[in-house]
Amino acid sequence: MPEMTIKEWAAEYRAINEAEREMLKQELPLIPPKEGILRYFRLCEFVAKLSLEARNIFAEERRKHYLELETRLRKAAEYWNYDFPN
């Protein structure tokens, strides 16, 4: 069996990626939110394993997300006259 050239390999790889992308486009509207979130976190864990720097990048994103979430929760607690812990 002859070996593939780099161009042939890249073309095949692109075709596989495109097929996966189309499949995901059709599947996305059917995925429940909980499953989508789980997939996102699994992707984050996978990428973090690939690079130590990625772990730091994701940590900063998570920190920002939690700070924004805390701000929103404090506003909701204030609106509902709930004593939000410090």
C-alpha atoms as a PDB file:
ATOM      1  CA  MET A   1       0.000   0.000   0.000  1.00  0.00           C
ATOM      2  CA  PRO A   2       1.586   3.334  -1.050  1.00  0.00           C
ATOM      3  CA  GLU A   3       2.063   6.016   1.563  1.00  0.00           C
ATOM      4  CA  MET A   4      -0.006   9.177   1.394  1.00  0.00           C
ATOM      5  CA  THR A   5       1.613  12.468   0.574  1.00  0.00           C
ATOM      6  CA  ILE A   6       1.184  15.332   3.015  1.00  0.00           C
ATOM      7  CA  LYS A   7      -1.245  17.033   0.629  1.00  0.00           C
ATOM      8  CA  GLU A   8      -3.355  13.866   0.333  1.00  0.00           C
ATOM      9  CA  TRP A   9      -3.334  13.403   4.100  1.00  0.00           C
ATOM     10  CA  ALA A  10      -4.341  17.058   4.654  1.00  0.00           C
ATOM     11  CA  ALA A  11      -7.159  16.810   2.098  1.00  0.00           C
ATOM     12  CA  GLU A  12      -8.509  13.675   3.776  1.00  0.00           C
ATOM     13  CA  TYR A  13      -8.200  15.276   7.204  1.00  0.00           C
ATOM     14  CA  ARG A  14     -10.116  18.367   5.986  1.00  0.00           C
ATOM     15  CA  ALA A  15     -12.861  16.166   4.549  1.00  0.00           C
ATOM     16  CA  ILE A  16     -13.231  14.288   7.849  1.00  0.00           C
ATOM     17  CA  ASN A  17     -13.309  17.558   9.822  1.00  0.00           C
ATOM     18  CA  GLU A  18     -15.948  19.002   7.495  1.00  0.00           C
ATOM     19  CA  ALA A  19     -18.114  15.889   7.846  1.00  0.00           C
ATOM     20  CA  GLU A  20     -17.819  16.081  11.653  1.00  0.00           C
ATOM     21  CA  ARG A  21     -18.646  19.797  11.593  1.00  0.00           C
ATOM     22  CA  GLU A  22     -21.802  19.162   9.529  1.00  0.00           C
ATOM     23  CA  MET A  23     -22.838  16.345  11.861  1.00  0.00           C
ATOM     24  CA  LEU A  24     -22.398  18.597  14.896  1.00  0.00           C
ATOM     25  CA  LYS A  25     -24.395  21.406  13.251  1.00  0.00           C
ATOM     26  CA  GLN A  26     -27.333  19.031  12.895  1.00  0.00           C
ATOM     27  CA  GLU A  27     -26.882  17.536  16.365  1.00  0.00           C
ATOM     28  CA  LEU A  28     -26.402  20.798  18.277  1.00  0.00           C
ATOM     29  CA  PRO A  29     -30.071  21.873  18.452  1.00  0.00           C
ATOM     30  CA  LEU A  30     -30.961  18.427  19.849  1.00  0.00           C
ATOM     31  CA  ILE A  31     -28.413  18.421  22.688  1.00  0.00           C
ATOM     32  CA  PRO A  32     -29.884  19.191  26.116  1.00  0.00           C
ATOM     33  CA  PRO A  33     -28.148  22.125  27.882  1.00  0.00           C
ATOM     34  CA  LYS A  34     -26.704  19.848  30.588  1.00  0.00           C
ATOM     35  CA  GLU A  35     -25.052  17.633  27.960  1.00  0.00           C
ATOM     36  CA  GLY A  36     -23.678  20.685  26.148  1.00  0.00           C
ATOM     37  CA  ILE A  37     -22.131  21.965  29.359  1.00  0.00           C
ATOM     38  CA  LEU A  38     -20.617  18.561  30.127  1.00  0.00           C
ATOM     39  CA  ARG A  39     -19.116  18.405  26.633  1.00  0.00           C
ATOM     40  CA  TYR A  40     -17.645  21.891  27.091  1.00  0.00           C
ATOM     41  CA  PHE A  41     -16.001  20.914  30.385  1.00  0.00           C
ATOM     42  CA  ARG A  42     -14.651  17.682  28.901  1.00  0.00           C
ATOM     43  CA  LEU A  43     -13.150  19.736  26.066  1.00  0.00           C
ATOM     44  CA  CYS A  44     -11.584  22.138  28.588  1.00  0.00           C
ATOM     45  CA  GLU A  45     -10.079  19.205  30.502  1.00  0.00           C
ATOM     46  CA  PHE A  46      -8.736  17.696  27.282  1.00  0.00           C
ATOM     47  CA  VAL A  47      -7.134  20.950  26.145  1.00  0.00           C
ATOM     48  CA  ALA A  48      -5.689  21.564  29.611  1.00  0.00           C
ATOM     49  CA  LYS A  49      -3.919  18.205  29.416  1.00  0.00           C
ATOM     50  CA  LEU A  50      -2.337  19.234  26.115  1.00  0.00           C
ATOM     51  CA  SER A  51      -0.706  22.340  27.500  1.00  0.00           C
ATOM     52  CA  LEU A  52       0.240  23.599  30.930  1.00  0.00           C
ATOM     53  CA  GLU A  53      -0.282  27.142  29.665  1.00  0.00           C
ATOM     54  CA  ALA A  54      -3.838  26.235  28.637  1.00  0.00           C
ATOM     55  CA  ARG A  55      -4.604  25.296  32.239  1.00  0.00           C
ATOM     56  CA  ASN A  56      -3.637  28.815  33.335  1.00  0.00           C
ATOM     57  CA  ILE A  57      -5.655  30.402  30.519  1.00  0.00           C
ATOM     58  CA  PHE A  58      -8.754  28.394  31.411  1.00  0.00           C
ATOM     59  CA  ALA A  59      -8.229  29.148  35.104  1.00  0.00           C
ATOM     60  CA  GLU A  60      -8.316  32.872  34.340  1.00  0.00           C
ATOM     61  CA  GLU A  61     -11.464  32.450  32.227  1.00  0.00           C
ATOM     62  CA  ARG A  62     -13.127  30.443  35.009  1.00  0.00           C
ATOM     63  CA  ARG A  63     -12.137  33.084  37.579  1.00  0.00           C
ATOM     64  CA  LYS A  64     -13.679  35.851  35.458  1.00  0.00           C
ATOM     65  CA  HIS A  65     -16.816  33.776  34.908  1.00  0.00           C
ATOM     66  CA  TYR A  66     -17.267  33.112  38.625  1.00  0.00           C
ATOM     67  CA  LEU A  67     -16.712  36.772  39.497  1.00  0.00           C
ATOM     68  CA  GLU A  68     -19.359  37.790  36.944  1.00  0.00           C
ATOM     69  CA  LEU A  69     -21.694  35.110  38.291  1.00  0.00           C
ATOM     70  CA  GLU A  70     -21.145  36.328  41.856  1.00  0.00           C
ATOM     71  CA  THR A  71     -22.006  39.883  40.804  1.00  0.00           C
ATOM     72  CA  ARG A  72     -25.225  38.708  39.163  1.00  0.00           C
ATOM     73  CA  LEU A  73     -26.158  36.594  42.179  1.00  0.00           C
ATOM     74  CA  ARG A  74     -25.537  39.512  44.538  1.00  0.00           C
ATOM     75  CA  LYS A  75     -27.811  41.731  42.429  1.00  0.00           C
ATOM     76  CA  ALA A  76     -30.530  39.073  42.460  1.00  0.00           C
ATOM     77  CA  ALA A  77     -30.119  38.600  46.218  1.00  0.00           C
ATOM     78  CA  GLU A  78     -30.396  42.350  46.738  1.00  0.00           C
ATOM     79  CA  TYR A  79     -33.513  42.493  44.553  1.00  0.00           C
ATOM     80  CA  TRP A  80     -35.159  39.668  46.525  1.00  0.00           C
ATOM     81  CA  ASN A  81     -33.937  41.038  49.880  1.00  0.00           C
ATOM     82  CA  TYR A  82     -31.861  37.942  50.506  1.00  0.00           C
ATOM     83  CA  ASP A  83     -28.799  38.150  52.766  1.00  0.00           C
ATOM     84  CA  PHE A  84     -25.980  37.070  50.431  1.00  0.00           C
ATOM     85  CA  PRO A  85     -22.963  35.711  52.363  1.00  0.00           C
ATOM     86  CA  ASN A  86     -19.665  37.570  52.163  1.00  0.00           C
END
